[in-house]
PDB file of N, CA and C in Angstrom:
ATOM      1  N   MET A   1       2.549  59.371 -28.294  1.00  0.00           N
ATOM      2  CA  MET A   1       1.453  59.333 -29.519  1.00  0.00           C
ATOM      3  C   MET A   1       0.191  59.856 -29.393  1.00  0.00           C
ATOM      4  N   ALA A   2      -0.213  60.786 -30.425  1.00  0.00           N
ATOM      5  CA  ALA A   2      -1.873  60.905 -30.427  1.00  0.00           C
ATOM      6  C   ALA A   2      -2.247  61.113 -31.642  1.00  0.00           C
ATOM      7  N   TYR A   3      -3.415  61.208 -31.624  1.00  0.00           N
ATOM      8  CA  TYR A   3      -3.617  60.851 -33.142  1.00  0.00           C
ATOM      9  C   TYR A   3      -5.294  61.523 -32.963  1.00  0.00           C
ATOM     10  N   GLY A   4      -5.344  62.314 -33.192  1.00  0.00           N
ATOM     11  CA  GLY A   4      -6.775  63.767 -32.983  1.00  0.00           C
ATOM     12  C   GLY A   4      -6.833  64.666 -33.982  1.00  0.00           C
ATOM     13  N   PRO A   5      -8.011  65.711 -33.586  1.00  0.00           N
ATOM     14  CA  PRO A   5      -7.838  66.864 -34.663  1.00  0.00           C
ATOM     15  C   PRO A   5      -6.947  67.613 -34.185  1.00  0.00           C
ATOM     16  N   GLY A   6      -5.873  68.294 -34.826  1.00  0.00           N
ATOM     17  CA  GLY A   6      -4.787  69.573 -34.416  1.00  0.00           C
ATOM     18  C   GLY A   6      -5.600  70.328 -33.824  1.00  0.00           C
ATOM     19  N   TYR A   7      -4.572  71.264 -33.065  1.00  0.00           N
ATOM     20  CA  TYR A   7      -5.143  72.686 -32.788  1.00  0.00           C
ATOM     21  C   TYR A   7      -5.702  74.044 -33.747  1.00  0.00           C
ATOM     22  N   SER A   8      -4.830  73.333 -34.709  1.00  0.00           N
ATOM     23  CA  SER A   8      -5.597  74.714 -35.679  1.00  0.00           C
ATOM     24  C   SER A   8      -6.539  74.599 -35.861  1.00  0.00           C
ATOM     25  N   THR A   9      -6.974  72.773 -36.319  1.00  0.00           N
ATOM     26  CA  THR A   9      -8.467  72.741 -36.922  1.00  0.00           C
ATOM     27  C   THR A   9      -9.343  73.132 -35.731  1.00  0.00           C
ATOM     28  N   GLU A  10      -9.168  72.887 -34.446  1.00  0.00           N
ATOM     29  CA  GLU A  10     -10.071  73.116 -33.397  1.00  0.00           C
ATOM     30  C   GLU A  10      -9.909  74.551 -33.243  1.00  0.00           C
ATOM     31  N   GLY A  11      -9.099  75.161 -32.949  1.00  0.00           N
ATOM     32  CA  GLY A  11      -8.839  76.639 -33.052  1.00  0.00           C
ATOM     33  C   GLY A  11      -9.914  77.279 -34.132  1.00  0.00           C
ATOM     34  N   ARG A  12      -9.980  76.983 -35.576  1.00  0.00           N
ATOM     35  CA  ARG A  12     -10.920  77.223 -36.475  1.00  0.00           C
ATOM     36  C   ARG A  12     -12.433  77.184 -36.566  1.00  0.00           C
ATOM     37  N   ASP A  13     -12.570  75.739 -36.164  1.00  0.00           N
ATOM     38  CA  ASP A  13     -13.724  75.474 -35.898  1.00  0.00           C
ATOM     39  C   ASP A  13     -14.418  76.244 -34.812  1.00  0.00           C
ATOM     40  N   GLY A  14     -13.943  76.702 -33.334  1.00  0.00           N
ATOM     41  CA  GLY A  14     -14.447  76.941 -32.275  1.00  0.00           C
ATOM     42  C   GLY A  14     -14.454  78.783 -32.950  1.00  0.00           C
ATOM     43  N   ALA A  15     -13.831  79.027 -33.941  1.00  0.00           N
ATOM     44  CA  ALA A  15     -14.287  80.419 -34.062  1.00  0.00           C
ATOM     45  C   ALA A  15     -15.657  80.533 -35.696  1.00  0.00           C
ATOM     46  N   ARG A  16     -15.362  79.376 -35.809  1.00  0.00           N
ATOM     47  CA  ARG A  16     -16.267  79.629 -36.845  1.00  0.00           C
ATOM     48  C   ARG A  16     -17.689  79.471 -36.102  1.00  0.00           C
ATOM     49  N   TYR A  17     -17.863  79.190 -34.886  1.00  0.00           N
ATOM     50  CA  TYR A  17     -19.056  78.466 -33.579  1.00  0.00           C
ATOM     51  C   TYR A  17     -19.232  79.694 -33.325  1.00  0.00           C
ATOM     52  N   VAL A  18     -18.273  80.927 -32.687  1.00  0.00           N
ATOM     53  CA  VAL A  18     -18.718  82.313 -31.817  1.00  0.00           C
ATOM     54  C   VAL A  18     -19.025  83.120 -32.940  1.00  0.00           C
ATOM     55  N   ASP A  19     -18.398  83.297 -34.298  1.00  0.00           N
ATOM     56  CA  ASP A  19     -18.544  83.941 -35.518  1.00  0.00           C
ATOM     57  C   ASP A  19     -20.423  83.828 -35.381  1.00  0.00           C
ATOM     58  N   ARG A  20     -20.986  82.566 -35.799  1.00  0.00           N
ATOM     59  CA  ARG A  20     -22.432  82.331 -35.925  1.00  0.00           C
ATOM     60  C   ARG A  20     -22.941  82.713 -34.522  1.00  0.00           C
ATOM     61  N   ILE A  21     -22.644  82.748 -33.305  1.00  0.00           N
ATOM     62  CA  ILE A  21     -23.238  83.216 -32.238  1.00  0.00           C
ATOM     63  C   ILE A  21     -23.369  85.166 -32.432  1.00  0.00           C
ATOM     64  N   LEU A  22     -22.143  85.351 -32.684  1.00  0.00           N
ATOM     65  CA  LEU A  22     -22.106  86.601 -32.487  1.00  0.00           C
ATOM     66  C   LEU A  22     -23.180  87.481 -33.929  1.00  0.00           C
ATOM     67  N   LYS A  23     -23.094  86.668 -34.891  1.00  0.00           N
ATOM     68  CA  LYS A  23     -24.521  87.373 -35.847  1.00  0.00           C
ATOM     69  C   LYS A  23     -25.286  87.291 -35.649  1.00  0.00           C
ATOM     70  N   GLY A  24     -25.735  86.174 -34.347  1.00  0.00           N
ATOM     71  CA  GLY A  24     -27.189  86.192 -33.785  1.00  0.00           C
ATOM     72  C   GLY A  24     -27.597  85.205 -33.881  1.00  0.00           C
ATOM     73  N   GLY A  25     -26.836  83.783 -34.188  1.00  0.00           N
ATOM     74  CA  GLY A  25     -27.448  82.611 -34.191  1.00  0.00           C
ATOM     75  C   GLY A  25     -27.363  81.941 -32.996  1.00  0.00           C
ATOM     76  N   ARG A  26     -28.361  81.022 -32.593  1.00  0.00           N
ATOM     77  CA  ARG A  26     -28.544  80.596 -31.233  1.00  0.00           C
ATOM     78  C   ARG A  26     -27.867  79.596 -30.664  1.00  0.00           C
ATOM     79  N   PRO A  27     -26.931  78.840 -30.030  1.00  0.00           N
ATOM     80  CA  PRO A  27     -26.072  78.551 -29.750  1.00  0.00           C
ATOM     81  C   PRO A  27     -26.783  76.434 -29.898  1.00  0.00           C
ATOM     82  N   GLY A  28     -27.825  76.570 -29.253  1.00  0.00           N
ATOM     83  CA  GLY A  28     -28.799  75.199 -29.257  1.00  0.00           C
ATOM     84  C   GLY A  28     -29.087  75.001 -30.742  1.00  0.00           C
ATOM     85  N   GLU A  29     -29.533  76.049 -31.683  1.00  0.00           N
ATOM     86  CA  GLU A  29     -29.555  75.413 -33.048  1.00  0.00           C
ATOM     87  C   GLU A  29     -28.674  75.274 -33.871  1.00  0.00           C
ATOM     88  N   ILE A  30     -27.153  75.478 -33.816  1.00  0.00           N
ATOM     89  CA  ILE A  30     -26.015  75.598 -33.829  1.00  0.00           C
ATOM     90  C   ILE A  30     -25.161  73.613 -34.256  1.00  0.00           C
ATOM     91  N   PRO A  31     -25.453  73.371 -36.030  1.00  0.00           N
ATOM     92  CA  PRO A  31     -25.017  71.981 -35.590  1.00  0.00           C
ATOM     93  C   PRO A  31     -23.700  71.476 -35.671  1.00  0.00           C
ATOM     94  N   VAL A  32     -24.193  70.243 -34.718  1.00  0.00           N
ATOM     95  CA  VAL A  32     -22.664  70.065 -34.309  1.00  0.00           C
ATOM     96  C   VAL A  32     -21.548  69.210 -35.428  1.00  0.00           C
ATOM     97  N   GLU A  33     -20.370  69.945 -35.263  1.00  0.00           N
ATOM     98  CA  GLU A  33     -19.521  69.387 -37.030  1.00  0.00           C
ATOM     99  C   GLU A  33     -18.310  68.723 -35.966  1.00  0.00           C
ATOM    100  N   GLN A  34     -18.319  67.434 -37.356  1.00  0.00           N
ATOM    101  CA  GLN A  34     -17.467  66.791 -36.587  1.00  0.00           C
ATOM    102  C   GLN A  34     -15.807  66.836 -37.521  1.00  0.00           C
ATOM    103  N   PRO A  35     -14.954  66.681 -36.569  1.00  0.00           N
ATOM    104  CA  PRO A  35     -13.525  67.349 -37.880  1.00  0.00           C
ATOM    105  C   PRO A  35     -13.167  66.192 -38.561  1.00  0.00           C
ATOM    106  N   THR A  36     -12.881  67.347 -39.733  1.00  0.00           N
ATOM    107  CA  THR A  36     -12.627  66.338 -40.970  1.00  0.00           C
ATOM    108  C   THR A  36     -10.624  66.331 -41.337  1.00  0.00           C
ATOM    109  N   LYS A  37      -9.895  66.596 -40.648  1.00  0.00           N
ATOM    110  CA  LYS A  37      -8.584  66.622 -40.403  1.00  0.00           C
ATOM    111  C   LYS A  37      -8.237  66.051 -39.062  1.00  0.00           C
ATOM    112  N   PHE A  38      -7.303  65.165 -39.183  1.00  0.00           N
ATOM    113  CA  PHE A  38      -6.310  64.451 -38.197  1.00  0.00           C
ATOM    114  C   PHE A  38      -5.302  64.316 -38.499  1.00  0.00           C
ATOM    115  N   GLU A  39      -4.227  64.220 -37.066  1.00  0.00           N
ATOM    116  CA  GLU A  39      -2.949  64.455 -36.980  1.00  0.00           C
ATOM    117  C   GLU A  39      -2.646  63.309 -36.301  1.00  0.00           C
ATOM    118  N   PHE A  40      -1.468  62.853 -36.850  1.00  0.00           N
ATOM    119  CA  PHE A  40      -0.977  61.813 -36.119  1.00  0.00           C
ATOM    120  C   PHE A  40       0.518  62.475 -35.261  1.00  0.00           C
ATOM    121  N   VAL A  41       0.762  62.766 -34.159  1.00  0.00           N
ATOM    122  CA  VAL A  41       1.801  63.039 -33.387  1.00  0.00           C
ATOM    123  C   VAL A  41       2.807  61.813 -32.744  1.00  0.00           C
ATOM    124  N   VAL A  42       3.776  62.118 -32.727  1.00  0.00           N
ATOM    125  CA  VAL A  42       4.871  61.026 -32.278  1.00  0.00           C
ATOM    126  C   VAL A  42       5.843  61.865 -31.090  1.00  0.00           C
ATOM    127  N   ASN A  43       5.911  61.665 -29.860  1.00  0.00           N
ATOM    128  CA  ASN A  43       6.537  62.473 -29.252  1.00  0.00           C
ATOM    129  C   ASN A  43       8.107  61.775 -28.574  1.00  0.00           C
ATOM    130  N   LEU A  44       8.897  61.650 -29.292  1.00  0.00           N
ATOM    131  CA  LEU A  44      10.061  60.893 -29.362  1.00  0.00           C
ATOM    132  C   LEU A  44      10.616  61.210 -27.912  1.00  0.00           C
ATOM    133  N   LYS A  45      10.778  62.536 -27.441  1.00  0.00           N
ATOM    134  CA  LYS A  45      11.417  62.590 -26.237  1.00  0.00           C
ATOM    135  C   LYS A  45      10.928  61.932 -25.117  1.00  0.00           C
ATOM    136  N   THR A  46       9.714  61.660 -25.190  1.00  0.00           N
ATOM    137  CA  THR A  46       8.809  61.014 -24.124  1.00  0.00           C
ATOM    138  C   THR A  46       9.237  59.890 -24.138  1.00  0.00           C
ATOM    139  N   ALA A  47       9.267  59.288 -25.543  1.00  0.00           N
ATOM    140  CA  ALA A  47       9.288  57.655 -25.611  1.00  0.00           C
ATOM    141  C   ALA A  47      10.402  57.439 -25.582  1.00  0.00           C
ATOM    142  N   ARG A  48      11.701  57.852 -25.392  1.00  0.00           N
ATOM    143  CA  ARG A  48      13.219  57.757 -25.374  1.00  0.00           C
ATOM    144  C   ARG A  48      13.058  57.613 -23.677  1.00  0.00           C
ATOM    145  N   ARG A  49      13.044  59.023 -23.071  1.00  0.00           N
ATOM    146  CA  ARG A  49      12.717  58.576 -21.661  1.00  0.00           C
ATOM    147  C   ARG A  49      11.889  57.741 -20.803  1.00  0.00           C
ATOM    148  N   LEU A  50      10.676  56.829 -21.215  1.00  0.00           N
ATOM    149  CA  LEU A  50       9.822  55.936 -21.100  1.00  0.00           C
ATOM    150  C   LEU A  50      10.672  54.315 -21.520  1.00  0.00           C
ATOM    151  N   GLY A  51      11.873  54.828 -22.592  1.00  0.00           N
ATOM    152  CA  GLY A  51      12.657  53.791 -22.408  1.00  0.00           C
ATOM    153  C   GLY A  51      12.084  52.971 -23.887  1.00  0.00           C
ATOM    154  N   VAL A  52      11.010  53.453 -24.617  1.00  0.00           N
ATOM    155  CA  VAL A  52      10.101  53.074 -25.960  1.00  0.00           C
ATOM    156  C   VAL A  52      10.811  53.010 -27.147  1.00  0.00           C
ATOM    157  N   THR A  53      11.089  52.313 -27.811  1.00  0.00           N
ATOM    158  CA  THR A  53      11.612  52.423 -29.203  1.00  0.00           C
ATOM    159  C   THR A  53      10.017  52.261 -30.612  1.00  0.00           C
ATOM    160  N   VAL A  54      10.458  53.688 -30.877  1.00  0.00           N
ATOM    161  CA  VAL A  54       9.280  53.740 -31.905  1.00  0.00           C
ATOM    162  C   VAL A  54      10.103  53.390 -33.193  1.00  0.00           C
ATOM    163  N   PRO A  55       9.325  52.280 -34.349  1.00  0.00           N
ATOM    164  CA  PRO A  55       9.767  51.812 -35.178  1.00  0.00           C
ATOM    165  C   PRO A  55       9.846  52.853 -36.490  1.00  0.00           C
ATOM    166  N   GLN A  56      10.400  52.971 -37.367  1.00  0.00           N
ATOM    167  CA  GLN A  56      10.642  54.011 -38.708  1.00  0.00           C
ATOM    168  C   GLN A  56       9.523  53.929 -39.231  1.00  0.00           C
ATOM    169  N   SER A  57       8.657  52.962 -39.648  1.00  0.00           N
ATOM    170  CA  SER A  57       7.745  52.786 -40.358  1.00  0.00           C
ATOM    171  C   SER A  57       6.401  53.398 -39.549  1.00  0.00           C
ATOM    172  N   VAL A  58       6.245  54.014 -38.118  1.00  0.00           N
ATOM    173  CA  VAL A  58       5.468  54.850 -37.310  1.00  0.00           C
ATOM    174  C   VAL A  58       5.860  55.883 -37.783  1.00  0.00           C
ATOM    175  N   LEU A  59       7.178  56.183 -37.390  1.00  0.00           N
ATOM    176  CA  LEU A  59       7.505  57.939 -38.122  1.00  0.00           C
ATOM    177  C   LEU A  59       7.211  58.417 -39.004  1.00  0.00           C
ATOM    178  N   ASN A  60       7.365  57.482 -39.979  1.00  0.00           N
ATOM    179  CA  ASN A  60       6.857  57.585 -41.521  1.00  0.00           C
ATOM    180  C   ASN A  60       5.933  58.238 -42.025  1.00  0.00           C
ATOM    181  N   GLN A  61       4.599  57.492 -40.924  1.00  0.00           N
ATOM    182  CA  GLN A  61       3.509  57.968 -41.021  1.00  0.00           C
ATOM    183  C   GLN A  61       2.827  59.282 -40.272  1.00  0.00           C
ATOM    184  N   ALA A  62       3.745  59.263 -39.274  1.00  0.00           N
ATOM    185  CA  ALA A  62       3.439  60.660 -38.437  1.00  0.00           C
ATOM    186  C   ALA A  62       3.839  62.026 -39.281  1.00  0.00           C
ATOM    187  N   ASP A  63       2.040  62.824 -38.905  1.00  0.00           N
ATOM    188  CA  ASP A  63       2.413  64.099 -39.407  1.00  0.00           C
ATOM    189  C   ASP A  63       2.933  64.817 -38.401  1.00  0.00           C
ATOM    190  N   VAL A  64       3.497  65.229 -37.353  1.00  0.00           N
ATOM    191  CA  VAL A  64       4.611  65.942 -36.514  1.00  0.00           C
ATOM    192  C   VAL A  64       5.088  65.149 -35.854  1.00  0.00           C
ATOM    193  N   VAL A  65       6.505  64.843 -35.651  1.00  0.00           N
ATOM    194  CA  VAL A  65       7.401  64.498 -34.747  1.00  0.00           C
ATOM    195  C   VAL A  65       8.229  65.360 -33.999  1.00  0.00           C
ATOM    196  N   ILE A  66       7.930  65.259 -32.563  1.00  0.00           N
ATOM    197  CA  ILE A  66       8.583  66.221 -31.908  1.00  0.00           C
ATOM    198  C   ILE A  66      10.111  65.470 -31.676  1.00  0.00           C
ATOM    199  N   GLU A  67      10.709  66.126 -31.167  1.00  0.00           N
ATOM    200  CA  GLU A  67      12.136  65.644 -31.478  1.00  0.00           C
ATOM    201  C   GLU A  67      12.364  65.541 -29.459  1.00  0.00           C
TER     202      GLU A  67
END
């Protein structure tokens, strides 16, 4: 299981920083932004290999379930 900003969110935020720098912004003056969207991912394939049973209630809350 993992809970954090998704790859698409990180990529989009990173591109926004690069855009500001390429437009002449100084990296030290660009404010650090906190992610606003987080994803909850459950990897069932790994859980099965480890012998861990993931309750259905947890799977229902997941944004992504890896079979």
